[in-house]
């Protein structure tokens, strides 16, 4: 989609991608990993506060698809 806003957060191993227009604010991300997702802070995603496996598991639960991830290759 042209002009779609997309934010990326990387820890070197994984990149979490957030598409705010798709977000339905279900809050699963905040409830699952509050140390990573805090909408009151900027940036609101602090990827360094969880392991890659924790991030993958949480992103897989996003009901709207606003959160996705890509594994980084060396």
PDB file of N, CA and C in Angstrom:
ATOM      1  N   UNK A   1       0.843  -1.182   0.000  1.00  0.00           N
ATOM      2  CA  UNK A   1       0.000   0.000   0.000  1.00  0.00           C
ATOM      3  C   UNK A   1       0.887   1.243   0.000  1.00  0.00           C
ATOM      4  N   UNK A   2       0.674   2.117  -0.904  1.00  0.00           N
ATOM      5  CA  UNK A   2       1.473   3.333  -1.025  1.00  0.00           C
ATOM      6  C   UNK A   2       1.213   4.248   0.163  1.00  0.00           C
ATOM      7  N   UNK A   3       2.276   4.808   0.687  1.00  0.00           N
ATOM      8  CA  UNK A   3       2.154   5.749   1.780  1.00  0.00           C
ATOM      9  C   UNK A   3       1.873   5.140   3.129  1.00  0.00           C
ATOM     10  N   UNK A   4       1.926   3.830   3.228  1.00  0.00           N
ATOM     11  CA  UNK A   4       1.662   3.179   4.513  1.00  0.00           C
ATOM     12  C   UNK A   4       2.788   3.490   5.500  1.00  0.00           C
ATOM     13  N   UNK A   5       2.410   3.902   6.698  1.00  0.00           N
ATOM     14  CA  UNK A   5       3.398   4.170   7.740  1.00  0.00           C
ATOM     15  C   UNK A   5       3.867   2.841   8.297  1.00  0.00           C
ATOM     16  N   UNK A   6       5.177   2.753   8.496  1.00  0.00           N
ATOM     17  CA  UNK A   6       5.782   1.509   8.958  1.00  0.00           C
ATOM     18  C   UNK A   6       7.003   1.886   9.790  1.00  0.00           C
ATOM     19  N   UNK A   7       7.054   1.383  11.000  1.00  0.00           N
ATOM     20  CA  UNK A   7       8.187   1.631  11.890  1.00  0.00           C
ATOM     21  C   UNK A   7       8.894   0.305  12.134  1.00  0.00           C
ATOM     22  N   UNK A   8      10.217   0.353  12.162  1.00  0.00           N
ATOM     23  CA  UNK A   8      11.003  -0.861  12.370  1.00  0.00           C
ATOM     24  C   UNK A   8      11.911  -0.699  13.584  1.00  0.00           C
ATOM     25  N   UNK A   9      11.994  -1.764  14.363  1.00  0.00           N
ATOM     26  CA  UNK A   9      12.807  -1.804  15.572  1.00  0.00           C
ATOM     27  C   UNK A   9      13.624  -3.088  15.516  1.00  0.00           C
ATOM     28  N   UNK A  10      14.946  -2.975  15.614  1.00  0.00           N
ATOM     29  CA  UNK A  10      15.799  -4.144  15.447  1.00  0.00           C
ATOM     30  C   UNK A  10      16.760  -4.318  16.618  1.00  0.00           C
ATOM     31  N   UNK A  11      17.045  -5.582  16.927  1.00  0.00           N
ATOM     32  CA  UNK A  11      18.086  -5.890  17.914  1.00  0.00           C
ATOM     33  C   UNK A  11      19.287  -6.539  17.229  1.00  0.00           C
ATOM     34  N   UNK A  12      19.306  -6.516  15.914  1.00  0.00           N
ATOM     35  CA  UNK A  12      20.373  -7.133  15.141  1.00  0.00           C
ATOM     36  C   UNK A  12      20.012  -8.527  14.665  1.00  0.00           C
ATOM     37  N   UNK A  13      19.249  -9.247  15.463  1.00  0.00           N
ATOM     38  CA  UNK A  13      18.838 -10.609  15.121  1.00  0.00           C
ATOM     39  C   UNK A  13      17.437 -10.639  14.501  1.00  0.00           C
ATOM     40  N   UNK A  14      16.568  -9.786  15.023  1.00  0.00           N
ATOM     41  CA  UNK A  14      15.176  -9.720  14.562  1.00  0.00           C
ATOM     42  C   UNK A  14      14.789  -8.256  14.396  1.00  0.00           C
ATOM     43  N   UNK A  15      13.920  -7.993  13.430  1.00  0.00           N
ATOM     44  CA  UNK A  15      13.347  -6.660  13.249  1.00  0.00           C
ATOM     45  C   UNK A  15      11.848  -6.773  13.435  1.00  0.00           C
ATOM     46  N   UNK A  16      11.322  -6.036  14.405  1.00  0.00           N
ATOM     47  CA  UNK A  16       9.878  -5.976  14.629  1.00  0.00           C
ATOM     48  C   UNK A  16       9.353  -4.809  13.817  1.00  0.00           C
ATOM     49  N   UNK A  17       8.311  -5.072  13.049  1.00  0.00           N
ATOM     50  CA  UNK A  17       7.713  -4.070  12.167  1.00  0.00           C
ATOM     51  C   UNK A  17       6.327  -3.721  12.708  1.00  0.00           C
ATOM     52  N   UNK A  18       6.066  -2.441  12.861  1.00  0.00           N
ATOM     53  CA  UNK A  18       4.774  -1.971  13.350  1.00  0.00           C
ATOM     54  C   UNK A  18       4.126  -1.095  12.302  1.00  0.00           C
ATOM     55  N   UNK A  19       2.890  -1.439  11.954  1.00  0.00           N
ATOM     56  CA  UNK A  19       2.094  -0.649  11.008  1.00  0.00           C
ATOM     57  C   UNK A  19       0.923  -0.058  11.790  1.00  0.00           C
ATOM     58  N   UNK A  20       1.064   1.195  12.232  1.00  0.00           N
ATOM     59  CA  UNK A  20       0.071   1.786  13.129  1.00  0.00           C
ATOM     60  C   UNK A  20      -1.346   1.840  12.570  1.00  0.00           C
ATOM     61  N   UNK A  21      -1.508   1.980  11.278  1.00  0.00           N
ATOM     62  CA  UNK A  21      -2.866   2.066  10.716  1.00  0.00           C
ATOM     63  C   UNK A  21      -3.620   0.745  10.811  1.00  0.00           C
ATOM     64  N   UNK A  22      -2.893  -0.353  10.949  1.00  0.00           N
ATOM     65  CA  UNK A  22      -3.538  -1.664  11.081  1.00  0.00           C
ATOM     66  C   UNK A  22      -3.887  -1.990  12.529  1.00  0.00           C
ATOM     67  N   UNK A  23      -3.317  -1.258  13.469  1.00  0.00           N
ATOM     68  CA  UNK A  23      -3.469  -1.567  14.891  1.00  0.00           C
ATOM     69  C   UNK A  23      -4.909  -1.347  15.353  1.00  0.00           C
ATOM     70  N   UNK A  24      -5.458  -2.367  16.036  1.00  0.00           N
ATOM     71  CA  UNK A  24      -6.813  -2.262  16.590  1.00  0.00           C
ATOM     72  C   UNK A  24      -6.789  -2.013  18.097  1.00  0.00           C
ATOM     73  N   UNK A  25      -5.599  -1.824  18.648  1.00  0.00           N
ATOM     74  CA  UNK A  25      -5.408  -1.512  20.063  1.00  0.00           C
ATOM     75  C   UNK A  25      -5.993  -2.577  20.983  1.00  0.00           C
ATOM     76  N   UNK A  26      -5.823  -3.839  20.599  1.00  0.00           N
ATOM     77  CA  UNK A  26      -6.274  -4.955  21.425  1.00  0.00           C
ATOM     78  C   UNK A  26      -5.469  -5.029  22.722  1.00  0.00           C
ATOM     79  N   UNK A  27      -4.244  -4.539  22.704  1.00  0.00           N
ATOM     80  CA  UNK A  27      -3.430  -4.481  23.915  1.00  0.00           C
ATOM     81  C   UNK A  27      -2.685  -5.757  24.257  1.00  0.00           C
ATOM     82  N   UNK A  28      -2.747  -6.740  23.385  1.00  0.00           N
ATOM     83  CA  UNK A  28      -2.065  -8.010  23.671  1.00  0.00           C
ATOM     84  C   UNK A  28      -0.565  -7.798  23.791  1.00  0.00           C
ATOM     85  N   UNK A  29      -0.008  -6.945  22.982  1.00  0.00           N
ATOM     86  CA  UNK A  29       1.438  -6.686  23.044  1.00  0.00           C
ATOM     87  C   UNK A  29       1.816  -6.114  24.401  1.00  0.00           C
ATOM     88  N   UNK A  30       1.071  -5.129  24.868  1.00  0.00           N
ATOM     89  CA  UNK A  30       1.363  -4.469  26.143  1.00  0.00           C
ATOM     90  C   UNK A  30       1.166  -5.439  27.301  1.00  0.00           C
ATOM     91  N   UNK A  31       0.131  -6.259  27.247  1.00  0.00           N
ATOM     92  CA  UNK A  31      -0.135  -7.214  28.320  1.00  0.00           C
ATOM     93  C   UNK A  31       0.894  -8.337  28.343  1.00  0.00           C
ATOM     94  N   UNK A  32       1.352  -8.761  27.172  1.00  0.00           N
ATOM     95  CA  UNK A  32       2.282  -9.881  27.086  1.00  0.00           C
ATOM     96  C   UNK A  32       3.709  -9.473  27.430  1.00  0.00           C
ATOM     97  N   UNK A  33       4.163  -8.362  26.905  1.00  0.00           N
ATOM     98  CA  UNK A  33       5.542  -7.897  27.131  1.00  0.00           C
ATOM     99  C   UNK A  33       5.552  -6.410  27.504  1.00  0.00           C
ATOM    100  N   UNK A  34       5.079  -6.089  28.712  1.00  0.00           N
ATOM    101  CA  UNK A  34       5.019  -4.671  29.098  1.00  0.00           C
ATOM    102  C   UNK A  34       6.391  -4.004  29.178  1.00  0.00           C
ATOM    103  N   UNK A  35       7.440  -4.787  29.340  1.00  0.00           N
ATOM    104  CA  UNK A  35       8.786  -4.221  29.384  1.00  0.00           C
ATOM    105  C   UNK A  35       9.257  -3.791  27.995  1.00  0.00           C
ATOM    106  N   UNK A  36       8.575  -4.258  26.952  1.00  0.00           N
ATOM    107  CA  UNK A  36       8.912  -3.900  25.566  1.00  0.00           C
ATOM    108  C   UNK A  36       7.964  -2.843  25.029  1.00  0.00           C
ATOM    109  N   UNK A  37       6.671  -3.031  25.253  1.00  0.00           N
ATOM    110  CA  UNK A  37       5.644  -2.152  24.665  1.00  0.00           C
ATOM    111  C   UNK A  37       5.065  -1.233  25.732  1.00  0.00           C
ATOM    112  N   UNK A  38       5.325   0.058  25.599  1.00  0.00           N
ATOM    113  CA  UNK A  38       4.789   1.038  26.527  1.00  0.00           C
ATOM    114  C   UNK A  38       4.332   2.255  25.724  1.00  0.00           C
ATOM    115  N   UNK A  39       3.021   2.334  25.450  1.00  0.00           N
ATOM    116  CA  UNK A  39       2.514   3.424  24.610  1.00  0.00           C
ATOM    117  C   UNK A  39       2.700   4.824  25.198  1.00  0.00           C
ATOM    118  N   UNK A  40       3.079   4.911  26.460  1.00  0.00           N
ATOM    119  CA  UNK A  40       3.291   6.230  27.080  1.00  0.00           C
ATOM    120  C   UNK A  40       4.714   6.741  26.884  1.00  0.00           C
ATOM    121  N   UNK A  41       5.574   5.912  26.307  1.00  0.00           N
ATOM    122  CA  UNK A  41       6.969   6.310  26.107  1.00  0.00           C
ATOM    123  C   UNK A  41       7.279   6.476  24.626  1.00  0.00           C
ATOM    124  N   UNK A  42       8.345   7.189  24.349  1.00  0.00           N
ATOM    125  CA  UNK A  42       8.839   7.361  22.980  1.00  0.00           C
ATOM    126  C   UNK A  42      10.291   6.918  22.942  1.00  0.00           C
ATOM    127  N   UNK A  43      10.712   6.005  22.146  1.00  0.00           N
ATOM    128  CA  UNK A  43       9.851   5.163  21.317  1.00  0.00           C
ATOM    129  C   UNK A  43       9.050   4.208  22.193  1.00  0.00           C
ATOM    130  N   UNK A  44       7.896   3.825  21.726  1.00  0.00           N
ATOM    131  CA  UNK A  44       7.013   2.994  22.542  1.00  0.00           C
ATOM    132  C   UNK A  44       7.399   1.522  22.509  1.00  0.00           C
ATOM    133  N   UNK A  45       8.258   1.129  21.572  1.00  0.00           N
ATOM    134  CA  UNK A  45       8.754  -0.240  21.507  1.00  0.00           C
ATOM    135  C   UNK A  45      10.237  -0.230  21.855  1.00  0.00           C
ATOM    136  N   UNK A  46      10.587  -0.956  22.904  1.00  0.00           N
ATOM    137  CA  UNK A  46      11.980  -1.094  23.323  1.00  0.00           C
ATOM    138  C   UNK A  46      12.364  -2.564  23.172  1.00  0.00           C
ATOM    139  N   UNK A  47      12.726  -2.918  21.945  1.00  0.00           N
ATOM    140  CA  UNK A  47      12.983  -4.297  21.545  1.00  0.00           C
ATOM    141  C   UNK A  47      14.086  -4.960  22.374  1.00  0.00           C
ATOM    142  N   UNK A  48      15.015  -4.165  22.886  1.00  0.00           N
ATOM    143  CA  UNK A  48      16.135  -4.713  23.647  1.00  0.00           C
ATOM    144  C   UNK A  48      15.720  -5.310  24.994  1.00  0.00           C
ATOM    145  N   UNK A  49      14.484  -5.097  25.408  1.00  0.00           N
ATOM    146  CA  UNK A  49      14.009  -5.577  26.704  1.00  0.00           C
ATOM    147  C   UNK A  49      13.424  -6.985  26.679  1.00  0.00           C
ATOM    148  N   UNK A  50      13.585  -7.708  25.569  1.00  0.00           N
ATOM    149  CA  UNK A  50      13.091  -9.088  25.479  1.00  0.00           C
ATOM    150  C   UNK A  50      13.998  -9.875  24.543  1.00  0.00           C
ATOM    151  N   UNK A  51      13.948 -11.183  24.693  1.00  0.00           N
ATOM    152  CA  UNK A  51      14.730 -12.046  23.805  1.00  0.00           C
ATOM    153  C   UNK A  51      14.038 -12.151  22.447  1.00  0.00           C
ATOM    154  N   UNK A  52      14.780 -12.591  21.472  1.00  0.00           N
ATOM    155  CA  UNK A  52      14.221 -12.783  20.133  1.00  0.00           C
ATOM    156  C   UNK A  52      13.060 -13.767  20.178  1.00  0.00           C
ATOM    157  N   UNK A  53      13.194 -14.844  20.935  1.00  0.00           N
ATOM    158  CA  UNK A  53      12.115 -15.835  21.025  1.00  0.00           C
ATOM    159  C   UNK A  53      10.865 -15.248  21.680  1.00  0.00           C
ATOM    160  N   UNK A  54      11.041 -14.441  22.719  1.00  0.00           N
ATOM    161  CA  UNK A  54       9.899 -13.784  23.363  1.00  0.00           C
ATOM    162  C   UNK A  54       9.199 -12.855  22.381  1.00  0.00           C
ATOM    163  N   UNK A  55       9.979 -12.105  21.614  1.00  0.00           N
ATOM    164  CA  UNK A  55       9.403 -11.182  20.633  1.00  0.00           C
ATOM    165  C   UNK A  55       8.628 -11.931  19.556  1.00  0.00           C
ATOM    166  N   UNK A  56       9.212 -13.000  19.017  1.00  0.00           N
ATOM    167  CA  UNK A  56       8.525 -13.784  17.988  1.00  0.00           C
ATOM    168  C   UNK A  56       7.203 -14.334  18.513  1.00  0.00           C
ATOM    169  N   UNK A  57       7.226 -14.893  19.712  1.00  0.00           N
ATOM    170  CA  UNK A  57       6.014 -15.463  20.302  1.00  0.00           C
ATOM    171  C   UNK A  57       4.930 -14.403  20.487  1.00  0.00           C
ATOM    172  N   UNK A  58       5.316 -13.232  20.965  1.00  0.00           N
ATOM    173  CA  UNK A  58       4.343 -12.169  21.186  1.00  0.00           C
ATOM    174  C   UNK A  58       3.799 -11.637  19.877  1.00  0.00           C
ATOM    175  N   UNK A  59       4.656 -11.363  18.908  1.00  0.00           N
ATOM    176  CA  UNK A  59       4.214 -10.809  17.625  1.00  0.00           C
ATOM    177  C   UNK A  59       3.248 -11.772  16.932  1.00  0.00           C
ATOM    178  N   UNK A  60       3.482 -13.064  17.068  1.00  0.00           N
ATOM    179  CA  UNK A  60       2.589 -14.061  16.478  1.00  0.00           C
ATOM    180  C   UNK A  60       1.173 -13.985  17.043  1.00  0.00           C
ATOM    181  N   UNK A  61       1.002 -13.354  18.197  1.00  0.00           N
ATOM    182  CA  UNK A  61      -0.311 -13.224  18.830  1.00  0.00           C
ATOM    183  C   UNK A  61      -1.065 -11.957  18.427  1.00  0.00           C
ATOM    184  N   UNK A  62      -0.443 -11.082  17.668  1.00  0.00           N
ATOM    185  CA  UNK A  62      -1.077  -9.809  17.297  1.00  0.00           C
ATOM    186  C   UNK A  62      -2.285 -10.089  16.400  1.00  0.00           C
ATOM    187  N   UNK A  63      -3.499  -9.777  16.861  1.00  0.00           N
ATOM    188  CA  UNK A  63      -4.701 -10.132  16.102  1.00  0.00           C
ATOM    189  C   UNK A  63      -4.923  -9.320  14.824  1.00  0.00           C
ATOM    190  N   UNK A  64      -4.379  -8.110  14.768  1.00  0.00           N
ATOM    191  CA  UNK A  64      -4.629  -7.248  13.608  1.00  0.00           C
ATOM    192  C   UNK A  64      -3.561  -7.380  12.525  1.00  0.00           C
ATOM    193  N   UNK A  65      -2.425  -7.945  12.886  1.00  0.00           N
ATOM    194  CA  UNK A  65      -1.308  -7.990  11.951  1.00  0.00           C
ATOM    195  C   UNK A  65      -0.524  -6.692  11.907  1.00  0.00           C
ATOM    196  N   UNK A  66      -0.796  -5.797  12.844  1.00  0.00           N
ATOM    197  CA  UNK A  66      -0.063  -4.527  12.895  1.00  0.00           C
ATOM    198  C   UNK A  66       1.400  -4.760  13.250  1.00  0.00           C
ATOM    199  N   UNK A  67       1.659  -5.819  13.997  1.00  0.00           N
ATOM    200  CA  UNK A  67       3.026  -6.194  14.346  1.00  0.00           C
ATOM    201  C   UNK A  67       3.422  -7.414  13.527  1.00  0.00           C
ATOM    202  N   UNK A  68       4.605  -7.365  12.967  1.00  0.00           N
ATOM    203  CA  UNK A  68       5.171  -8.513  12.276  1.00  0.00           C
ATOM    204  C   UNK A  68       6.672  -8.480  12.535  1.00  0.00           C
ATOM    205  N   UNK A  69       7.370  -9.477  12.052  1.00  0.00           N
ATOM    206  CA  UNK A  69       8.821  -9.468  12.236  1.00  0.00           C
ATOM    207  C   UNK A  69       9.511 -10.104  11.058  1.00  0.00           C
ATOM    208  N   UNK A  70      10.780  -9.780  10.947  1.00  0.00           N
ATOM    209  CA  UNK A  70      11.651 -10.372   9.941  1.00  0.00           C
ATOM    210  C   UNK A  70      12.941 -10.748  10.641  1.00  0.00           C
ATOM    211  N   UNK A  71      13.424 -11.929  10.362  1.00  0.00           N
ATOM    212  CA  UNK A  71      14.700 -12.351  10.911  1.00  0.00           C
ATOM    213  C   UNK A  71      15.795 -11.739  10.050  1.00  0.00           C
ATOM    214  N   UNK A  72      16.787 -11.180  10.702  1.00  0.00           N
ATOM    215  CA  UNK A  72      17.903 -10.550   9.994  1.00  0.00           C
ATOM    216  C   UNK A  72      18.945 -11.607   9.666  1.00  0.00           C
ATOM    217  N   UNK A  73      19.487 -11.533   8.476  1.00  0.00           N
ATOM    218  CA  UNK A  73      20.524 -12.472   8.081  1.00  0.00           C
ATOM    219  C   UNK A  73      21.865 -11.755   8.076  1.00  0.00           C
ATOM    220  N   UNK A  74      22.914 -12.469   8.493  1.00  0.00           N
ATOM    221  CA  UNK A  74      24.224 -11.813   8.550  1.00  0.00           C
ATOM    222  C   UNK A  74      24.753 -11.430   7.201  1.00  0.00           C
TER     223      UNK A  74
END
